[in-house]
C-alpha atoms as a PDB file:
ATOM      1  CA  MET A   1     -15.567 128.664  73.250  1.00  0.00           C
ATOM      2  CA  ILE A   2     -14.995 131.782  71.203  1.00  0.00           C
ATOM      3  CA  ALA A   3     -17.332 134.760  70.974  1.00  0.00           C
ATOM      4  CA  SER A   4     -19.050 133.660  67.744  1.00  0.00           C
ATOM      5  CA  ALA A   5     -20.137 130.374  69.303  1.00  0.00           C
ATOM      6  CA  ILE A   6     -21.568 132.263  72.244  1.00  0.00           C
ATOM      7  CA  ASN A   7     -23.451 134.500  69.812  1.00  0.00           C
ATOM      8  CA  VAL A   8     -24.920 131.486  68.027  1.00  0.00           C
ATOM      9  CA  LEU A   9     -26.152 130.074  71.319  1.00  0.00           C
ATOM     10  CA  ALA A  10     -27.416 133.420  72.553  1.00  0.00           C
ATOM     11  CA  ASN A  11     -29.361 134.167  69.405  1.00  0.00           C
ATOM     12  CA  THR A  12     -31.067 130.763  69.306  1.00  0.00           C
ATOM     13  CA  SER A  13     -32.408 130.996  72.839  1.00  0.00           C
ATOM     14  CA  ILE A  14     -35.856 132.374  73.529  1.00  0.00           C
ATOM     15  CA  THR A  15     -34.587 135.481  75.308  1.00  0.00           C
ATOM     16  CA  GLY A  16     -31.234 135.926  73.548  1.00  0.00           C
ATOM     17  CA  TYR A  17     -28.823 138.778  74.144  1.00  0.00           C
ATOM     18  CA  SER A  18     -29.413 142.318  72.992  1.00  0.00           C
ATOM     19  CA  ALA A  19     -25.869 142.763  71.683  1.00  0.00           C
ATOM     20  CA  ALA A  20     -23.279 140.495  70.100  1.00  0.00           C
ATOM     21  CA  VAL A  21     -20.505 139.097  72.257  1.00  0.00           C
ATOM     22  CA  SER A  22     -16.971 139.636  70.995  1.00  0.00           C
ATOM     23  CA  ALA A  23     -13.656 138.769  72.568  1.00  0.00           C
ATOM     24  CA  VAL A  24     -11.747 140.923  70.073  1.00  0.00           C
ATOM     25  CA  PRO A  25     -14.096 142.634  67.589  1.00  0.00           C
ATOM     26  CA  GLY A  26     -13.323 141.915  63.949  1.00  0.00           C
ATOM     27  CA  VAL A  27     -10.438 139.508  64.604  1.00  0.00           C
ATOM     28  CA  GLU A  28     -12.192 136.147  64.170  1.00  0.00           C
ATOM     29  CA  SER A  29     -11.584 134.496  60.810  1.00  0.00           C
ATOM     30  CA  PRO A  30     -14.093 132.319  58.939  1.00  0.00           C
ATOM     31  CA  ALA A  31     -11.997 129.301  59.950  1.00  0.00           C
ATOM     32  CA  ASP A  32     -12.379 130.299  63.613  1.00  0.00           C
ATOM     33  CA  VAL A  33     -16.145 130.542  63.205  1.00  0.00           C
ATOM     34  CA  VAL A  34     -16.294 127.106  61.571  1.00  0.00           C
ATOM     35  CA  ALA A  35     -14.061 125.630  64.278  1.00  0.00           C
ATOM     36  CA  ALA A  36     -16.279 127.130  66.981  1.00  0.00           C
ATOM     37  CA  TRP A  37     -19.367 125.712  65.280  1.00  0.00           C
ATOM     38  CA  ARG A  38     -17.800 122.247  65.047  1.00  0.00           C
ATOM     39  CA  ASN A  39     -16.692 122.351  68.672  1.00  0.00           C
ATOM     40  CA  MET A  40     -20.153 123.406  69.779  1.00  0.00           C
ATOM     41  CA  THR A  41     -21.929 120.678  67.791  1.00  0.00           C
ATOM     42  CA  ALA A  42     -19.469 118.025  69.008  1.00  0.00           C
ATOM     43  CA  CYS A  43     -20.062 119.126  72.592  1.00  0.00           C
ATOM     44  CA  HIS A  44     -23.837 119.043  72.054  1.00  0.00           C
ATOM     45  CA  ALA A  45     -23.685 115.548  70.529  1.00  0.00           C
ATOM     46  CA  ALA A  46     -21.547 114.169  73.367  1.00  0.00           C
ATOM     47  CA  ILE A  47     -23.775 115.652  76.068  1.00  0.00           C
ATOM     48  CA  THR A  48     -26.967 114.515  74.343  1.00  0.00           C
ATOM     49  CA  ALA A  49     -25.624 110.962  74.030  1.00  0.00           C
ATOM     50  CA  ALA A  50     -24.628 110.904  77.717  1.00  0.00           C
ATOM     51  CA  LEU A  51     -28.021 112.301  78.748  1.00  0.00           C
ATOM     52  CA  GLU A  52     -29.900 109.765  76.592  1.00  0.00           C
ATOM     53  CA  ARG A  53     -27.907 106.908  78.105  1.00  0.00           C
ATOM     54  CA  GLU A  54     -28.116 107.955  81.750  1.00  0.00           C
ATOM     55  CA  LEU A  55     -31.683 109.312  81.759  1.00  0.00           C
ATOM     56  CA  GLY A  56     -32.797 106.177  79.917  1.00  0.00           C
ATOM     57  CA  ASP A  57     -30.953 103.729  82.159  1.00  0.00           C
ATOM     58  CA  ARG A  58     -31.810 105.402  85.472  1.00  0.00           C
ATOM     59  CA  HIS A  59     -35.253 106.921  84.833  1.00  0.00           C
ATOM     60  CA  ALA A  60     -36.682 105.422  81.612  1.00  0.00           C
ATOM     61  CA  LEU A  61     -36.734 108.896  80.023  1.00  0.00           C
ATOM     62  CA  GLY A  62     -35.279 110.271  76.821  1.00  0.00           C
ATOM     63  CA  VAL A  63     -33.772 113.743  76.569  1.00  0.00           C
ATOM     64  CA  SER A  64     -36.923 115.186  74.994  1.00  0.00           C
ATOM     65  CA  ASP A  65     -39.109 113.487  77.604  1.00  0.00           C
ATOM     66  CA  PHE A  66     -37.029 115.032  80.363  1.00  0.00           C
ATOM     67  CA  GLU A  67     -37.023 118.428  78.661  1.00  0.00           C
ATOM     68  CA  VAL A  68     -40.838 118.462  78.554  1.00  0.00           C
ATOM     69  CA  LEU A  69     -41.057 117.448  82.217  1.00  0.00           C
ATOM     70  CA  ASP A  70     -38.451 120.070  83.101  1.00  0.00           C
ATOM     71  CA  ARG A  71     -40.319 122.880  81.303  1.00  0.00           C
ATOM     72  CA  LEU A  72     -43.587 121.847  82.951  1.00  0.00           C
ATOM     73  CA  ALA A  73     -41.960 121.688  86.397  1.00  0.00           C
ATOM     74  CA  GLU A  74     -40.718 125.266  85.906  1.00  0.00           C
ATOM     75  CA  SER A  75     -44.066 126.560  84.584  1.00  0.00           C
ATOM     76  CA  PRO A  76     -46.710 128.275  86.715  1.00  0.00           C
ATOM     77  CA  ASP A  77     -49.261 125.690  87.883  1.00  0.00           C
ATOM     78  CA  ARG A  78     -47.013 123.030  86.280  1.00  0.00           C
ATOM     79  CA  LYS A  79     -48.850 123.344  82.982  1.00  0.00           C
ATOM     80  CA  CYS A  80     -48.152 124.819  79.567  1.00  0.00           C
ATOM     81  CA  ARG A  81     -50.069 125.282  76.333  1.00  0.00           C
ATOM     82  CA  SER A  82     -49.092 122.582  73.873  1.00  0.00           C
ATOM     83  CA  GLN A  83     -48.040 125.071  71.192  1.00  0.00           C
ATOM     84  CA  ASP A  84     -45.812 127.019  73.610  1.00  0.00           C
ATOM     85  CA  LEU A  85     -44.288 123.810  74.929  1.00  0.00           C
ATOM     86  CA  ALA A  86     -43.449 122.622  71.402  1.00  0.00           C
ATOM     87  CA  GLU A  87     -41.649 125.892  70.700  1.00  0.00           C
ATOM     88  CA  SER A  88     -39.723 125.846  73.971  1.00  0.00           C
ATOM     89  CA  VAL A  89     -38.412 122.300  73.474  1.00  0.00           C
ATOM     90  CA  HIS A  90     -37.796 122.801  69.728  1.00  0.00           C
ATOM     91  CA  LEU A  91     -40.174 120.103  68.496  1.00  0.00           C
ATOM     92  CA  SER A  92     -42.843 120.212  65.826  1.00  0.00           C
ATOM     93  CA  GLN A  93     -46.418 120.114  67.075  1.00  0.00           C
ATOM     94  CA  SER A  94     -46.832 116.552  65.768  1.00  0.00           C
ATOM     95  CA  ALA A  95     -43.580 115.342  67.380  1.00  0.00           C
ATOM     96  CA  LEU A  96     -44.629 116.888  70.693  1.00  0.00           C
ATOM     97  CA  SER A  97     -48.048 115.263  70.400  1.00  0.00           C
ATOM     98  CA  ARG A  98     -46.468 111.811  70.004  1.00  0.00           C
ATOM     99  CA  LEU A  99     -44.102 112.485  72.918  1.00  0.00           C
ATOM    100  CA  VAL A 100     -46.996 113.663  75.118  1.00  0.00           C
ATOM    101  CA  ASP A 101     -48.943 110.518  74.151  1.00  0.00           C
ATOM    102  CA  ARG A 102     -46.096 108.421  75.612  1.00  0.00           C
ATOM    103  CA  LEU A 103     -45.904 110.569  78.748  1.00  0.00           C
ATOM    104  CA  VAL A 104     -49.701 110.318  79.221  1.00  0.00           C
ATOM    105  CA  LYS A 105     -49.497 106.536  78.796  1.00  0.00           C
ATOM    106  CA  ASN A 106     -46.910 106.477  81.616  1.00  0.00           C
ATOM    107  CA  SER A 107     -49.067 108.794  83.809  1.00  0.00           C
ATOM    108  CA  LEU A 108     -46.393 111.519  83.859  1.00  0.00           C
ATOM    109  CA  VAL A 109     -48.548 114.223  82.227  1.00  0.00           C
ATOM    110  CA  GLU A 110     -52.153 114.745  81.217  1.00  0.00           C
ATOM    111  CA  ARG A 111     -53.900 116.878  78.646  1.00  0.00           C
ATOM    112  CA  CYS A 112     -56.516 119.455  79.640  1.00  0.00           C
ATOM    113  CA  ALA A 113     -58.654 121.761  77.544  1.00  0.00           C
ATOM    114  CA  CYS A 114     -57.915 125.463  77.746  1.00  0.00           C
ATOM    115  CA  ASP A 115     -60.764 127.393  79.398  1.00  0.00           C
ATOM    116  CA  ASP A 116     -60.040 130.577  77.406  1.00  0.00           C
ATOM    117  CA  ASP A 117     -59.646 128.973  73.976  1.00  0.00           C
ATOM    118  CA  ARG A 118     -61.478 125.765  73.074  1.00  0.00           C
ATOM    119  CA  ARG A 119     -58.821 125.003  70.440  1.00  0.00           C
ATOM    120  CA  GLY A 120     -56.004 125.194  72.991  1.00  0.00           C
ATOM    121  CA  ILE A 121     -54.702 122.212  74.922  1.00  0.00           C
ATOM    122  CA  TYR A 122     -52.666 122.334  78.100  1.00  0.00           C
ATOM    123  CA  VAL A 123     -50.108 119.703  79.010  1.00  0.00           C
ATOM    124  CA  VAL A 124     -50.124 119.293  82.791  1.00  0.00           C
ATOM    125  CA  LEU A 125     -47.499 117.604  84.960  1.00  0.00           C
ATOM    126  CA  THR A 126     -48.996 114.922  87.194  1.00  0.00           C
ATOM    127  CA  PRO A 127     -47.763 114.208  90.750  1.00  0.00           C
ATOM    128  CA  GLY A 128     -46.057 111.081  89.380  1.00  0.00           C
ATOM    129  CA  GLY A 129     -44.447 113.174  86.650  1.00  0.00           C
ATOM    130  CA  LEU A 130     -43.212 115.669  89.223  1.00  0.00           C
ATOM    131  CA  ASP A 131     -41.661 112.837  91.251  1.00  0.00           C
ATOM    132  CA  ARG A 132     -39.980 111.364  88.165  1.00  0.00           C
ATOM    133  CA  HIS A 133     -38.731 114.825  87.178  1.00  0.00           C
ATOM    134  CA  ARG A 134     -37.231 115.465  90.625  1.00  0.00           C
ATOM    135  CA  GLU A 135     -35.339 112.176  90.491  1.00  0.00           C
ATOM    136  CA  ALA A 136     -34.190 112.647  86.893  1.00  0.00           C
ATOM    137  CA  ALA A 137     -33.194 116.297  87.417  1.00  0.00           C
ATOM    138  CA  VAL A 138     -30.352 115.177  89.686  1.00  0.00           C
ATOM    139  CA  THR A 139     -29.010 112.902  86.951  1.00  0.00           C
ATOM    140  CA  HIS A 140     -29.520 115.587  84.293  1.00  0.00           C
ATOM    141  CA  ARG A 141     -27.562 118.190  86.269  1.00  0.00           C
ATOM    142  CA  GLU A 142     -24.776 115.700  87.087  1.00  0.00           C
ATOM    143  CA  VAL A 143     -24.322 114.838  83.403  1.00  0.00           C
ATOM    144  CA  LEU A 144     -24.262 118.529  82.430  1.00  0.00           C
ATOM    145  CA  ALA A 145     -21.712 119.320  85.141  1.00  0.00           C
ATOM    146  CA  ARG A 146     -19.460 116.467  83.945  1.00  0.00           C
ATOM    147  CA  HIS A 147     -19.635 117.250  80.241  1.00  0.00           C
ATOM    148  CA  LEU A 148     -20.037 120.992  79.766  1.00  0.00           C
ATOM    149  CA  PRO A 149     -16.781 122.836  79.166  1.00  0.00           C
ATOM    150  CA  ALA A 150     -15.670 125.126  81.956  1.00  0.00           C
END
Protein backbone atom coordinates (compact mmCIF):
# COMPACT_ATOMS: atom_id res chain seq x y z
CA MET A 1 0.00 0.00 0.00
CA ILE A 2 1.47 3.35 -0.91
CA ALA A 3 1.73 6.37 1.37
CA SER A 4 -1.45 8.08 0.11
CA ALA A 5 -3.57 5.06 1.01
CA ILE A 6 -2.07 5.06 4.48
CA ASN A 7 -2.92 8.76 4.77
CA VAL A 8 -6.53 8.11 3.78
CA LEU A 9 -6.83 5.44 6.45
CA ALA A 10 -5.02 7.50 9.06
CA ASN A 11 -7.15 10.57 8.52
CA THR A 12 -10.45 8.67 8.71
CA SER A 13 -9.68 7.08 12.06
CA ILE A 14 -10.77 8.71 15.28
CA THR A 15 -7.24 9.49 16.43
CA GLY A 16 -5.51 9.87 13.05
CA TYR A 17 -1.89 10.85 12.55
CA SER A 18 -0.54 14.31 13.16
CA ALA A 19 1.50 14.36 9.95
CA ALA A 20 1.09 12.89 6.48
CA VAL A 21 2.93 9.70 5.61
CA SER A 22 5.04 9.80 2.46
CA ALA A 23 7.32 7.19 0.97
CA VAL A 24 8.87 9.71 -1.43
CA PRO A 25 7.37 13.20 -0.99
CA GLY A 26 5.88 14.68 -4.15
CA VAL A 27 6.52 11.64 -6.37
CA GLU A 28 3.08 10.00 -6.35
CA SER A 29 1.02 10.68 -9.47
CA PRO A 30 -2.78 11.01 -9.56
CA ALA A 31 -2.89 7.55 -11.17
CA ASP A 32 -0.96 6.14 -8.19
CA VAL A 33 -3.44 7.72 -5.78
CA VAL A 34 -6.39 6.27 -7.70
CA ALA A 35 -4.72 2.85 -7.85
CA ALA A 36 -4.08 2.96 -4.10
CA TRP A 37 -7.70 3.91 -3.47
CA ARG A 38 -8.96 1.06 -5.66
CA ASN A 39 -6.64 -1.44 -3.99
CA MET A 40 -7.77 -0.29 -0.56
CA THR A 41 -11.48 -0.52 -1.39
CA ALA A 42 -11.04 -3.94 -3.01
CA CYS A 43 -9.21 -5.17 0.09
CA HIS A 44 -11.96 -3.75 2.33
CA ALA A 45 -14.70 -5.40 0.25
CA ALA A 46 -12.98 -8.80 0.28
CA ILE A 47 -12.36 -8.70 4.03
CA THR A 48 -15.88 -7.49 4.79
CA ALA A 49 -17.38 -10.30 2.68
CA ALA A 50 -15.21 -12.91 4.43
CA LEU A 51 -16.10 -11.49 7.86
CA GLU A 52 -19.84 -11.44 7.03
CA ARG A 53 -19.70 -15.06 5.88
CA GLU A 54 -17.63 -16.47 8.74
CA LEU A 55 -19.10 -14.40 11.59
CA GLY A 56 -22.58 -15.21 10.28
CA ASP A 57 -21.97 -18.93 9.83
CA ARG A 58 -20.08 -19.49 13.09
CA HIS A 59 -21.64 -16.94 15.47
CA ALA A 60 -24.87 -15.62 13.91
CA LEU A 61 -23.39 -12.10 13.83
CA GLY A 62 -22.93 -9.57 11.06
CA VAL A 63 -19.86 -7.35 10.79
CA SER A 64 -21.67 -4.37 12.32
CA ASP A 65 -23.07 -6.55 15.12
CA PHE A 66 -19.57 -7.75 15.93
CA GLU A 67 -18.15 -4.24 15.72
CA VAL A 68 -20.66 -2.99 18.30
CA LEU A 69 -19.89 -5.91 20.62
CA ASP A 70 -16.17 -5.34 20.11
CA ARG A 71 -16.38 -1.62 20.98
CA LEU A 72 -18.46 -2.39 24.06
CA ALA A 73 -16.05 -5.12 25.19
CA GLU A 74 -13.19 -2.59 24.97
CA SER A 75 -15.12 0.18 26.77
CA PRO A 76 -14.86 0.92 30.49
CA ASP A 77 -17.66 -0.90 32.33
CA ARG A 78 -18.55 -2.53 28.98
CA LYS A 79 -20.94 0.28 28.15
CA CYS A 80 -21.00 3.24 25.79
CA ARG A 81 -23.32 6.15 25.09
CA SER A 82 -25.42 5.40 22.04
CA GLN A 83 -24.30 8.54 20.20
CA ASP A 84 -20.60 7.79 20.79
CA LEU A 85 -21.07 4.18 19.74
CA ALA A 86 -22.76 5.23 16.49
CA GLU A 87 -19.83 7.49 15.66
CA SER A 88 -17.22 4.86 16.49
CA VAL A 89 -18.81 2.19 14.28
CA HIS A 90 -19.67 4.67 11.49
CA LEU A 91 -23.44 4.19 11.59
CA SER A 92 -26.24 6.72 11.70
CA GLN A 93 -28.11 6.97 14.98
CA SER A 94 -31.17 5.31 13.43
CA ALA A 95 -29.13 2.45 11.92
CA LEU A 96 -27.44 1.85 15.27
CA SER A 97 -30.82 1.89 17.01
CA ARG A 98 -32.13 -0.86 14.71
CA LEU A 99 -28.93 -2.88 15.19
CA VAL A 100 -29.15 -2.49 18.99
CA ASP A 101 -32.81 -3.59 18.84
CA ARG A 102 -31.65 -6.88 17.26
CA LEU A 103 -28.85 -7.31 19.80
CA VAL A 104 -31.29 -6.62 22.69
CA LYS A 105 -33.71 -9.18 21.23
CA ASN A 106 -30.87 -11.74 21.30
CA SER A 107 -29.89 -10.75 24.89
CA LEU A 108 -26.41 -9.61 23.81
CA VAL A 109 -26.81 -5.98 24.95
CA GLU A 110 -29.25 -3.88 26.92
CA ARG A 111 -30.13 -0.22 27.01
CA CYS A 112 -29.80 1.84 30.18
CA ALA A 113 -30.62 5.46 30.90
CA CYS A 114 -27.73 7.80 31.53
CA ASP A 115 -27.67 9.06 35.13
CA ASP A 116 -26.03 12.38 34.17
CA ASP A 117 -28.24 13.20 31.18
CA ARG A 118 -31.83 11.98 30.98
CA ARG A 119 -31.69 12.24 27.17
CA GLY A 120 -28.66 9.95 26.96
CA ILE A 121 -28.87 6.20 26.53
CA TYR A 122 -26.13 3.71 27.27
CA VAL A 123 -25.73 0.46 25.38
CA VAL A 124 -24.40 -2.16 27.80
CA LEU A 125 -22.84 -5.52 26.96
CA THR A 126 -24.56 -8.39 28.76
CA PRO A 127 -22.70 -11.47 30.08
CA GLY A 128 -24.14 -13.42 27.13
CA GLY A 129 -22.92 -10.71 24.76
CA LEU A 130 -19.46 -10.86 26.30
CA ASP A 131 -19.38 -14.64 25.80
CA ARG A 132 -20.51 -14.32 22.18
CA HIS A 133 -17.93 -11.58 21.60
CA ARG A 134 -15.10 -13.69 23.02
CA GLU A 135 -15.99 -16.57 20.73
CA ALA A 136 -16.47 -14.37 17.66
CA ALA A 137 -13.30 -12.34 18.31
CA VAL A 138 -11.19 -15.41 17.54
CA THR A 139 -12.90 -15.80 14.17
CA HIS A 140 -12.67 -12.05 13.48
CA ARG A 141 -8.92 -11.97 14.15
CA GLU A 142 -8.32 -15.13 12.08
CA VAL A 143 -10.13 -13.63 9.08
CA LEU A 144 -8.17 -10.37 9.39
CA ALA A 145 -4.87 -12.24 9.64
CA ARG A 146 -5.70 -14.26 6.51
CA HIS A 147 -6.89 -11.36 4.37
CA LEU A 148 -4.99 -8.23 5.36
CA PRO A 149 -1.96 -7.51 3.20
CA ALA A 150 1.38 -7.89 4.91
